[in-house]
Every structure is written in C-alpha cells, then in structure tokens.
C-alpha cells in the first residue's frame, strides 16, 4: 500500500492512504503559497492541529462540502460541532484511535491554540499515524523543539514533517536537532516562505540534514508530492 503526501504550501498537507483522502491544517483562502483553491480540495477526513486561523483555515467549508470528518483535540472538535460541521472526532494528547485510514495518536506540540473567534482551542498537537500497512508518519505541525521527540522517534518513523520557518515555530537549527531526535527515514520541511517573516532556505537545511544525519530530506514545491 502506498502513502502519498502532498504539500500545498505553509502547513497544509494532503495524505492519501488506503483509499482515503486526508487533509491536514487546510489553509487555502488567504494563503499566498497555496497551490490549489479551497473549492478544489477533496477530503474524507480533515486533521486540525490547533486553533490558529492559518491552520483551521477552510476546514469548515471543506467539511460541509465534502462531508469529511474533522479530527482534532476535544475542544476544537466541539467548536467545529458548533459551526455546523456534522462529523467530528475529538481526541487528546497521548490518546490514539483506529480510524478507517489508520491508527492516529495526538502528540505534544509547543505552541498556542486560540480559535479564530477567541474560543478556547485546548492544547496544540502533532499527529502520529500508523497506516494499515505499518508505515509510521509524524506530522509535527506548529511546534518548538522538545525532548520527547526522542520518544516519538522510538516508534521507528518512515516520515517526519517538520516546521523550519522560525519566529512562530522551530527554525532550521532546532529542526535539525529534531531530525536527530526522530531519526526518520525521510523528512519534509513545512511552515516556511509563506511570508517574509518565516522565509528560509530549505535547500541549505536539507543539505545539513543529509550531512549530519541518516535521514533523507525531501524539499517539495507547493503542490508537489512524495510516495512512500
């Protein structure tokens, strides 16, 4: 079974596995890096890592149009219920659930999570997915470096997706340390170059990753994909 990951710009990702389409932090409208429009996005499931507007993004509209289930922490899932989204699933950190597309666990993330209207967004998270054929995929989303990434790495990761933009998340130096903690076979950088404030040279970072670790760094252009 192939898992295909697509980067749509910023922290917005698509994942296809087991015949299901999953969107992660679907920020298209107002995203200068977005490679497609919100109207073109398709999903069976939508994962939302935290409440900030550049991650909640177009999730409400896409979920209502496609009938996708929104998965997030308990507080954000409840907020989506109040916005008229019919199918939601709330989890919390360290808790896992067997969804049709695989076993999903919410991980720690160090960041904020207030929702666009100021509501309580609970605690931000990352996602650790074990696909039905045993692939381990870690989507850190918005976070700073933290030591328990070593524990996530003990899972034996096939892929780690990490922010490198700095200012709001890890920058290149801390993201390199994260790669060393995680020891994933493949790493992909996200959350950079959307705006000047988070501009980074991803190619230079990738060279450092491959010089100092055993991981393969893959730089995607918005709309680009990789198959595992």
Foldseek 3Di string as FASTA:
>chain_A
DKWKWAFQAFQWIWIDAPNFIEIFQDAAVPQPQGPDHLVPDEGQEYEAQAADCSRCHCVLVRCVVHVHEYEYAPQVQVVSVVVVRDHYDHDDAPDWDQDVFFIKHWHAFAAAHQHPVRDHTDHGTWIWGQGPVGATETERRAHEADQCLLVQLVSAHQEYEEEAQPPRGHHLVRVLVSCVSNVHQEYEYHNAPSDPSRHDDVVVSQVVNVVPGNHHYDYARNRDMDMD
